Amino acid sequence: MTKKDIVLRVASETGLKQLDVKRVVQRSLDAIVDSLSKGDTVELRNFGIFKVKSRKGRTGRNPRTGEKVPVPPKRVVTFKPGLVMKKDIR
């Protein structure tokens, strides 16, 4: 499912214009990304929790040459589904 599919579905179910729904969906996603970039946790009740975690630097290996390569530390986004989502997906 793409963002466009979400917009079409919400627009058809609510009777709102697609352009208005698209703006709301995009602003919602922008707000989530903005919060995560600040290091905040985003909790959407009955859906899940987005968190930013830090990964330590490590030594990796180039699979083609076998040469050891340093992998720098970085921040990654993780998602933990909520109870309702876990129950519905099973």
PDB file of N, CA and C in Angstrom:
ATOM      1  N   MET A   1       0.852  -1.172   0.000  1.00  0.00           N
ATOM      2  CA  MET A   1       0.000   0.000   0.000  1.00  0.00           C
ATOM      3  C   MET A   1       0.897   1.235   0.000  1.00  0.00           C
ATOM      4  N   THR A   2       0.554   2.168  -0.845  1.00  0.00           N
ATOM      5  CA  THR A   2       1.319   3.404  -0.950  1.00  0.00           C
ATOM      6  C   THR A   2       0.553   4.549  -0.285  1.00  0.00           C
ATOM      7  N   LYS A   3       1.223   5.695  -0.203  1.00  0.00           N
ATOM      8  CA  LYS A   3       0.569   6.875   0.368  1.00  0.00           C
ATOM      9  C   LYS A   3      -0.651   7.260  -0.472  1.00  0.00           C
ATOM     10  N   LYS A   4      -0.529   7.110  -1.777  1.00  0.00           N
ATOM     11  CA  LYS A   4      -1.651   7.427  -2.666  1.00  0.00           C
ATOM     12  C   LYS A   4      -2.840   6.507  -2.382  1.00  0.00           C
ATOM     13  N   ASP A   5      -2.571   5.233  -2.138  1.00  0.00           N
ATOM     14  CA  ASP A   5      -3.651   4.292  -1.809  1.00  0.00           C
ATOM     15  C   ASP A   5      -4.361   4.700  -0.516  1.00  0.00           C
ATOM     16  N   ILE A   6      -3.596   5.140   0.459  1.00  0.00           N
ATOM     17  CA  ILE A   6      -4.180   5.599   1.726  1.00  0.00           C
ATOM     18  C   ILE A   6      -5.072   6.811   1.484  1.00  0.00           C
ATOM     19  N   VAL A   7      -4.563   7.758   0.697  1.00  0.00           N
ATOM     20  CA  VAL A   7      -5.329   8.973   0.402  1.00  0.00           C
ATOM     21  C   VAL A   7      -6.632   8.614  -0.313  1.00  0.00           C
ATOM     22  N   LEU A   8      -6.564   7.750  -1.308  1.00  0.00           N
ATOM     23  CA  LEU A   8      -7.768   7.363  -2.051  1.00  0.00           C
ATOM     24  C   LEU A   8      -8.788   6.672  -1.145  1.00  0.00           C
ATOM     25  N   ARG A   9      -8.299   5.806  -0.278  1.00  0.00           N
ATOM     26  CA  ARG A   9      -9.204   5.070   0.617  1.00  0.00           C
ATOM     27  C   ARG A   9      -9.888   6.001   1.612  1.00  0.00           C
ATOM     28  N   VAL A  10      -9.103   6.886   2.240  1.00  0.00           N
ATOM     29  CA  VAL A  10      -9.676   7.811   3.216  1.00  0.00           C
ATOM     30  C   VAL A  10     -10.646   8.776   2.527  1.00  0.00           C
ATOM     31  N   ALA A  11     -10.283   9.254   1.354  1.00  0.00           N
ATOM     32  CA  ALA A  11     -11.149  10.184   0.630  1.00  0.00           C
ATOM     33  C   ALA A  11     -12.477   9.520   0.266  1.00  0.00           C
ATOM     34  N   SER A  12     -12.422   8.282  -0.171  1.00  0.00           N
ATOM     35  CA  SER A  12     -13.663   7.606  -0.561  1.00  0.00           C
ATOM     36  C   SER A  12     -14.528   7.268   0.657  1.00  0.00           C
ATOM     37  N   GLU A  13     -13.903   6.974   1.794  1.00  0.00           N
ATOM     38  CA  GLU A  13     -14.665   6.608   2.990  1.00  0.00           C
ATOM     39  C   GLU A  13     -15.232   7.818   3.731  1.00  0.00           C
ATOM     40  N   THR A  14     -14.600   8.969   3.562  1.00  0.00           N
ATOM     41  CA  THR A  14     -15.043  10.156   4.298  1.00  0.00           C
ATOM     42  C   THR A  14     -15.782  11.173   3.440  1.00  0.00           C
ATOM     43  N   GLY A  15     -15.613  11.084   2.123  1.00  0.00           N
ATOM     44  CA  GLY A  15     -16.237  12.066   1.243  1.00  0.00           C
ATOM     45  C   GLY A  15     -15.442  13.356   1.133  1.00  0.00           C
ATOM     46  N   LEU A  16     -14.262  13.396   1.696  1.00  0.00           N
ATOM     47  CA  LEU A  16     -13.414  14.582   1.600  1.00  0.00           C
ATOM     48  C   LEU A  16     -12.674  14.586   0.262  1.00  0.00           C
ATOM     49  N   LYS A  17     -12.198  15.759  -0.144  1.00  0.00           N
ATOM     50  CA  LYS A  17     -11.430  15.867  -1.385  1.00  0.00           C
ATOM     51  C   LYS A  17     -10.077  15.186  -1.209  1.00  0.00           C
ATOM     52  N   GLN A  18      -9.611  14.557  -2.282  1.00  0.00           N
ATOM     53  CA  GLN A  18      -8.321  13.869  -2.232  1.00  0.00           C
ATOM     54  C   GLN A  18      -7.183  14.825  -1.887  1.00  0.00           C
ATOM     55  N   LEU A  19      -7.246  16.026  -2.400  1.00  0.00           N
ATOM     56  CA  LEU A  19      -6.189  17.005  -2.136  1.00  0.00           C
ATOM     57  C   LEU A  19      -6.113  17.346  -0.655  1.00  0.00           C
ATOM     58  N   ASP A  20      -7.269  17.496  -0.007  1.00  0.00           N
ATOM     59  CA  ASP A  20      -7.292  17.801   1.420  1.00  0.00           C
ATOM     60  C   ASP A  20      -6.761  16.627   2.239  1.00  0.00           C
ATOM     61  N   VAL A  21      -7.171  15.424   1.864  1.00  0.00           N
ATOM     62  CA  VAL A  21      -6.703  14.225   2.573  1.00  0.00           C
ATOM     63  C   VAL A  21      -5.200  14.073   2.394  1.00  0.00           C
ATOM     64  N   LYS A  22      -4.715  14.322   1.182  1.00  0.00           N
ATOM     65  CA  LYS A  22      -3.278  14.206   0.908  1.00  0.00           C
ATOM     66  C   LYS A  22      -2.485  15.169   1.789  1.00  0.00           C
ATOM     67  N   ARG A  23      -2.975  16.377   1.942  1.00  0.00           N
ATOM     68  CA  ARG A  23      -2.291  17.364   2.786  1.00  0.00           C
ATOM     69  C   ARG A  23      -2.236  16.910   4.241  1.00  0.00           C
ATOM     70  N   VAL A  24      -3.354  16.381   4.733  1.00  0.00           N
ATOM     71  CA  VAL A  24      -3.402  15.920   6.126  1.00  0.00           C
ATOM     72  C   VAL A  24      -2.457  14.739   6.330  1.00  0.00           C
ATOM     73  N   VAL A  25      -2.483  13.784   5.410  1.00  0.00           N
ATOM     74  CA  VAL A  25      -1.606  12.612   5.523  1.00  0.00           C
ATOM     75  C   VAL A  25      -0.147  13.056   5.490  1.00  0.00           C
ATOM     76  N   GLN A  26       0.201  13.936   4.555  1.00  0.00           N
ATOM     77  CA  GLN A  26       1.594  14.391   4.436  1.00  0.00           C
ATOM     78  C   GLN A  26       2.027  15.164   5.674  1.00  0.00           C
ATOM     79  N   ARG A  27       1.164  16.025   6.207  1.00  0.00           N
ATOM     80  CA  ARG A  27       1.508  16.777   7.420  1.00  0.00           C
ATOM     81  C   ARG A  27       1.695  15.839   8.605  1.00  0.00           C
ATOM     82  N   SER A  28       0.874  14.796   8.668  1.00  0.00           N
ATOM     83  CA  SER A  28       1.006  13.814   9.754  1.00  0.00           C
ATOM     84  C   SER A  28       2.357  13.104   9.665  1.00  0.00           C
ATOM     85  N   LEU A  29       2.708  12.672   8.469  1.00  0.00           N
ATOM     86  CA  LEU A  29       3.996  11.995   8.280  1.00  0.00           C
ATOM     87  C   LEU A  29       5.162  12.945   8.562  1.00  0.00           C
ATOM     88  N   ASP A  30       5.025  14.203   8.138  1.00  0.00           N
ATOM     89  CA  ASP A  30       6.066  15.199   8.409  1.00  0.00           C
ATOM     90  C   ASP A  30       6.256  15.410   9.905  1.00  0.00           C
ATOM     91  N   ALA A  31       5.150  15.438  10.648  1.00  0.00           N
ATOM     92  CA  ALA A  31       5.221  15.626  12.100  1.00  0.00           C
ATOM     93  C   ALA A  31       5.932  14.437  12.761  1.00  0.00           C
ATOM     94  N   ILE A  32       5.659  13.229  12.281  1.00  0.00           N
ATOM     95  CA  ILE A  32       6.323  12.043  12.827  1.00  0.00           C
ATOM     96  C   ILE A  32       7.816  12.106  12.557  1.00  0.00           C
ATOM     97  N   VAL A  33       8.187  12.416  11.327  1.00  0.00           N
ATOM     98  CA  VAL A  33       9.608  12.497  10.962  1.00  0.00           C
ATOM     99  C   VAL A  33      10.306  13.595  11.753  1.00  0.00           C
ATOM    100  N   ASP A  34       9.644  14.738  11.926  1.00  0.00           N
ATOM    101  CA  ASP A  34      10.231  15.850  12.672  1.00  0.00           C
ATOM    102  C   ASP A  34      10.489  15.450  14.123  1.00  0.00           C
ATOM    103  N   SER A  35       9.537  14.784  14.743  1.00  0.00           N
ATOM    104  CA  SER A  35       9.709  14.346  16.131  1.00  0.00           C
ATOM    105  C   SER A  35      10.843  13.331  16.251  1.00  0.00           C
ATOM    106  N   LEU A  36      10.899  12.387  15.317  1.00  0.00           N
ATOM    107  CA  LEU A  36      11.951  11.374  15.359  1.00  0.00           C
ATOM    108  C   LEU A  36      13.331  11.994  15.130  1.00  0.00           C
ATOM    109  N   SER A  37      13.411  12.999  14.263  1.00  0.00           N
ATOM    110  CA  SER A  37      14.703  13.636  14.007  1.00  0.00           C
ATOM    111  C   SER A  37      15.218  14.376  15.236  1.00  0.00           C
ATOM    112  N   LYS A  38      14.307  14.770  16.132  1.00  0.00           N
ATOM    113  CA  LYS A  38      14.706  15.416  17.383  1.00  0.00           C
ATOM    114  C   LYS A  38      15.035  14.400  18.472  1.00  0.00           C
ATOM    115  N   GLY A  39      14.828  13.114  18.161  1.00  0.00           N
ATOM    116  CA  GLY A  39      15.118  12.065  19.135  1.00  0.00           C
ATOM    117  C   GLY A  39      13.934  11.690  20.004  1.00  0.00           C
ATOM    118  N   ASP A  40      12.766  12.247  19.709  1.00  0.00           N
ATOM    119  CA  ASP A  40      11.565  11.939  20.484  1.00  0.00           C
ATOM    120  C   ASP A  40      10.986  10.585  20.071  1.00  0.00           C
ATOM    121  N   THR A  41      10.166  10.021  20.949  1.00  0.00           N
ATOM    122  CA  THR A  41       9.424   8.804  20.655  1.00  0.00           C
ATOM    123  C   THR A  41       8.033   9.193  20.187  1.00  0.00           C
ATOM    124  N   VAL A  42       7.529   8.506  19.156  1.00  0.00           N
ATOM    125  CA  VAL A  42       6.186   8.765  18.648  1.00  0.00           C
ATOM    126  C   VAL A  42       5.329   7.550  18.962  1.00  0.00           C
ATOM    127  N   GLU A  43       4.307   7.758  19.791  1.00  0.00           N
ATOM    128  CA  GLU A  43       3.418   6.668  20.194  1.00  0.00           C
ATOM    129  C   GLU A  43       2.027   6.920  19.633  1.00  0.00           C
ATOM    130  N   LEU A  44       1.576   6.004  18.792  1.00  0.00           N
ATOM    131  CA  LEU A  44       0.230   6.074  18.233  1.00  0.00           C
ATOM    132  C   LEU A  44      -0.569   4.949  18.880  1.00  0.00           C
ATOM    133  N   ARG A  45      -1.470   5.303  19.778  1.00  0.00           N
ATOM    134  CA  ARG A  45      -2.233   4.316  20.546  1.00  0.00           C
ATOM    135  C   ARG A  45      -2.894   3.302  19.625  1.00  0.00           C
ATOM    136  N   ASN A  46      -2.844   2.044  20.031  1.00  0.00           N
ATOM    137  CA  ASN A  46      -3.421   0.916  19.297  1.00  0.00           C
ATOM    138  C   ASN A  46      -2.763   0.671  17.939  1.00  0.00           C
ATOM    139  N   PHE A  47      -1.711   1.416  17.621  1.00  0.00           N
ATOM    140  CA  PHE A  47      -0.993   1.192  16.362  1.00  0.00           C
ATOM    141  C   PHE A  47       0.425   0.733  16.649  1.00  0.00           C
ATOM    142  N   GLY A  48       1.210   1.585  17.324  1.00  0.00           N
ATOM    143  CA  GLY A  48       2.577   1.208  17.648  1.00  0.00           C
ATOM    144  C   GLY A  48       3.417   2.384  18.089  1.00  0.00           C
ATOM    145  N   ILE A  49       4.700   2.091  18.315  1.00  0.00           N
ATOM    146  CA  ILE A  49       5.640   3.089  18.813  1.00  0.00           C
ATOM    147  C   ILE A  49       6.847   3.153  17.884  1.00  0.00           C
ATOM    148  N   PHE A  50       7.180   4.373  17.446  1.00  0.00           N
ATOM    149  CA  PHE A  50       8.388   4.622  16.678  1.00  0.00           C
ATOM    150  C   PHE A  50       9.427   5.192  17.636  1.00  0.00           C
ATOM    151  N   LYS A  51      10.647   4.633  17.615  1.00  0.00           N
ATOM    152  CA  LYS A  51      11.735   5.129  18.454  1.00  0.00           C
ATOM    153  C   LYS A  51      12.993   5.271  17.613  1.00  0.00           C
ATOM    154  N   VAL A  52      13.882   6.137  18.070  1.00  0.00           N
ATOM    155  CA  VAL A  52      15.191   6.274  17.444  1.00  0.00           C
ATOM    156  C   VAL A  52      16.204   5.622  18.371  1.00  0.00           C
ATOM    157  N   LYS A  53      16.979   4.704  17.835  1.00  0.00           N
ATOM    158  CA  LYS A  53      18.026   4.046  18.615  1.00  0.00           C
ATOM    159  C   LYS A  53      19.371   4.327  17.971  1.00  0.00           C
ATOM    160  N   SER A  54      20.401   4.322  18.799  1.00  0.00           N
ATOM    161  CA  SER A  54      21.756   4.522  18.297  1.00  0.00           C
ATOM    162  C   SER A  54      22.461   3.179  18.168  1.00  0.00           C
ATOM    163  N   ARG A  55      23.078   2.980  17.020  1.00  0.00           N
ATOM    164  CA  ARG A  55      23.877   1.779  16.815  1.00  0.00           C
ATOM    165  C   ARG A  55      25.341   2.147  16.960  1.00  0.00           C
ATOM    166  N   LYS A  56      26.096   1.281  17.626  1.00  0.00           N
ATOM    167  CA  LYS A  56      27.517   1.514  17.801  1.00  0.00           C
ATOM    168  C   LYS A  56      28.248   1.273  16.483  1.00  0.00           C
ATOM    169  N   GLY A  57      29.416   1.894  16.366  1.00  0.00           N
ATOM    170  CA  GLY A  57      30.273   1.630  15.217  1.00  0.00           C
ATOM    171  C   GLY A  57      30.833   0.212  15.328  1.00  0.00           C
ATOM    172  N   ARG A  58      31.161  -0.362  14.201  1.00  0.00           N
ATOM    173  CA  ARG A  58      31.686  -1.726  14.205  1.00  0.00           C
ATOM    174  C   ARG A  58      32.580  -1.917  12.995  1.00  0.00           C
ATOM    175  N   THR A  59      33.208  -3.072  12.939  1.00  0.00           N
ATOM    176  CA  THR A  59      34.023  -3.414  11.789  1.00  0.00           C
ATOM    177  C   THR A  59      33.240  -4.382  10.913  1.00  0.00           C
ATOM    178  N   GLY A  60      33.000  -3.983   9.676  1.00  0.00           N
ATOM    179  CA  GLY A  60      32.291  -4.826   8.725  1.00  0.00           C
ATOM    180  C   GLY A  60      33.271  -5.440   7.747  1.00  0.00           C
ATOM    181  N   ARG A  61      32.727  -6.133   6.755  1.00  0.00           N
ATOM    182  CA  ARG A  61      33.571  -6.772   5.762  1.00  0.00           C
ATOM    183  C   ARG A  61      32.952  -6.572   4.395  1.00  0.00           C
ATOM    184  N   ASN A  62      33.774  -6.192   3.431  1.00  0.00           N
ATOM    185  CA  ASN A  62      33.333  -6.069   2.058  1.00  0.00           C
ATOM    186  C   ASN A  62      33.161  -7.482   1.504  1.00  0.00           C
ATOM    187  N   PRO A  63      31.948  -7.884   1.135  1.00  0.00           N
ATOM    188  CA  PRO A  63      31.737  -9.266   0.691  1.00  0.00           C
ATOM    189  C   PRO A  63      32.456  -9.601  -0.618  1.00  0.00           C
ATOM    190  N   ARG A  64      32.738  -8.605  -1.422  1.00  0.00           N
ATOM    191  CA  ARG A  64      33.393  -8.855  -2.711  1.00  0.00           C
ATOM    192  C   ARG A  64      34.888  -9.096  -2.546  1.00  0.00           C
ATOM    193  N   THR A  65      35.524  -8.262  -1.699  1.00  0.00           N
ATOM    194  CA  THR A  65      36.983  -8.362  -1.564  1.00  0.00           C
ATOM    195  C   THR A  65      37.415  -9.028  -0.262  1.00  0.00           C
ATOM    196  N   GLY A  66      36.526  -9.101   0.701  1.00  0.00           N
ATOM    197  CA  GLY A  66      36.884  -9.665   2.002  1.00  0.00           C
ATOM    198  C   GLY A  66      37.613  -8.677   2.891  1.00  0.00           C
ATOM    199  N   GLU A  67      37.812  -7.463   2.406  1.00  0.00           N
ATOM    200  CA  GLU A  67      38.533  -6.432   3.151  1.00  0.00           C
ATOM    201  C   GLU A  67      37.686  -5.931   4.324  1.00  0.00           C
ATOM    202  N   LYS A  68      38.330  -5.686   5.461  1.00  0.00           N
ATOM    203  CA  LYS A  68      37.630  -5.141   6.627  1.00  0.00           C
ATOM    204  C   LYS A  68      37.379  -3.660   6.405  1.00  0.00           C
ATOM    205  N   VAL A  69      36.156  -3.243   6.773  1.00  0.00           N
ATOM    206  CA  VAL A  69      35.747  -1.858   6.552  1.00  0.00           C
ATOM    207  C   VAL A  69      35.108  -1.329   7.830  1.00  0.00           C
ATOM    208  N   PRO A  70      35.500  -0.125   8.286  1.00  0.00           N
ATOM    209  CA  PRO A  70      34.851   0.427   9.478  1.00  0.00           C
ATOM    210  C   PRO A  70      33.435   0.915   9.138  1.00  0.00           C
ATOM    211  N   VAL A  71      32.464   0.534   9.969  1.00  0.00           N
ATOM    212  CA  VAL A  71      31.082   0.993   9.819  1.00  0.00           C
ATOM    213  C   VAL A  71      30.839   1.995  10.942  1.00  0.00           C
ATOM    214  N   PRO A  72      30.556   3.247  10.589  1.00  0.00           N
ATOM    215  CA  PRO A  72      30.408   4.285  11.615  1.00  0.00           C
ATOM    216  C   PRO A  72      29.126   4.100  12.436  1.00  0.00           C
ATOM    217  N   PRO A  73      29.088   4.680  13.630  1.00  0.00           N
ATOM    218  CA  PRO A  73      27.854   4.637  14.424  1.00  0.00           C
ATOM    219  C   PRO A  73      26.760   5.427  13.706  1.00  0.00           C
ATOM    220  N   LYS A  74      25.516   5.023  13.914  1.00  0.00           N
ATOM    221  CA  LYS A  74      24.410   5.746  13.286  1.00  0.00           C
ATOM    222  C   LYS A  74      23.145   5.595  14.102  1.00  0.00           C
ATOM    223  N   ARG A  75      22.173   6.435  13.789  1.00  0.00           N
ATOM    224  CA  ARG A  75      20.856   6.374  14.434  1.00  0.00           C
ATOM    225  C   ARG A  75      19.885   5.714  13.472  1.00  0.00           C
ATOM    226  N   VAL A  76      19.052   4.822  13.999  1.00  0.00           N
ATOM    227  CA  VAL A  76      18.064   4.126  13.174  1.00  0.00           C
ATOM    228  C   VAL A  76      16.691   4.217  13.838  1.00  0.00           C
ATOM    229  N   VAL A  77      15.653   4.159  13.022  1.00  0.00           N
ATOM    230  CA  VAL A  77      14.285   4.184  13.522  1.00  0.00           C
ATOM    231  C   VAL A  77      13.807   2.744  13.696  1.00  0.00           C
ATOM    232  N   THR A  78      13.208   2.458  14.846  1.00  0.00           N
ATOM    233  CA  THR A  78      12.626   1.141  15.089  1.00  0.00           C
ATOM    234  C   THR A  78      11.129   1.314  15.316  1.00  0.00           C
ATOM    235  N   PHE A  79      10.390   0.250  15.069  1.00  0.00           N
ATOM    236  CA  PHE A  79       8.948   0.274  15.245  1.00  0.00           C
ATOM    237  C   PHE A  79       8.527  -0.943  16.048  1.00  0.00           C
ATOM    238  N   LYS A  80       7.717  -0.708  17.072  1.00  0.00           N
ATOM    239  CA  LYS A  80       7.176  -1.792  17.879  1.00  0.00           C
ATOM    240  C   LYS A  80       5.656  -1.719  17.743  1.00  0.00           C
ATOM    241  N   PRO A  81       5.038  -2.748  17.153  1.00  0.00           N
ATOM    242  CA  PRO A  81       3.587  -2.700  16.966  1.00  0.00           C
ATOM    243  C   PRO A  81       2.835  -2.736  18.285  1.00  0.00           C
ATOM    244  N   GLY A  82       1.674  -2.098  18.304  1.00  0.00           N
ATOM    245  CA  GLY A  82       0.818  -2.088  19.484  1.00  0.00           C
ATOM    246  C   GLY A  82       0.034  -3.387  19.608  1.00  0.00           C
ATOM    247  N   LEU A  83      -0.643  -3.558  20.734  1.00  0.00           N
ATOM    248  CA  LEU A  83      -1.377  -4.787  21.001  1.00  0.00           C
ATOM    249  C   LEU A  83      -2.487  -5.052  19.998  1.00  0.00           C
ATOM    250  N   VAL A  84      -3.217  -4.010  19.599  1.00  0.00           N
ATOM    251  CA  VAL A  84      -4.313  -4.199  18.660  1.00  0.00           C
ATOM    252  C   VAL A  84      -3.761  -4.639  17.303  1.00  0.00           C
ATOM    253  N   MET A  85      -2.661  -4.047  16.876  1.00  0.00           N
ATOM    254  CA  MET A  85      -2.066  -4.438  15.598  1.00  0.00           C
ATOM    255  C   MET A  85      -1.567  -5.883  15.664  1.00  0.00           C
ATOM    256  N   LYS A  86      -0.913  -6.245  16.746  1.00  0.00           N
ATOM    257  CA  LYS A  86      -0.431  -7.617  16.893  1.00  0.00           C
ATOM    258  C   LYS A  86      -1.582  -8.618  16.807  1.00  0.00           C
ATOM    259  N   LYS A  87      -2.679  -8.281  17.481  1.00  0.00           N
ATOM    260  CA  LYS A  87      -3.835  -9.180  17.508  1.00  0.00           C
ATOM    261  C   LYS A  87      -4.461  -9.295  16.113  1.00  0.00           C
ATOM    262  N   ASP A  88      -4.594  -8.186  15.397  1.00  0.00           N
ATOM    263  CA  ASP A  88      -5.237  -8.185  14.084  1.00  0.00           C
ATOM    264  C   ASP A  88      -4.400  -8.873  13.007  1.00  0.00           C
ATOM    265  N   ILE A  89      -3.078  -8.825  13.134  1.00  0.00           N
ATOM    266  CA  ILE A  89      -2.206  -9.403  12.116  1.00  0.00           C
ATOM    267  C   ILE A  89      -2.104 -10.916  12.247  1.00  0.00           C
ATOM    268  N   ARG A  90      -2.250 -11.444  13.425  1.00  0.00           N
ATOM    269  CA  ARG A  90      -2.122 -12.896  13.614  1.00  0.00           C
ATOM    270  C   ARG A  90      -3.097 -13.649  12.843  1.00  0.00           C
TER     271      ARG A  90
END
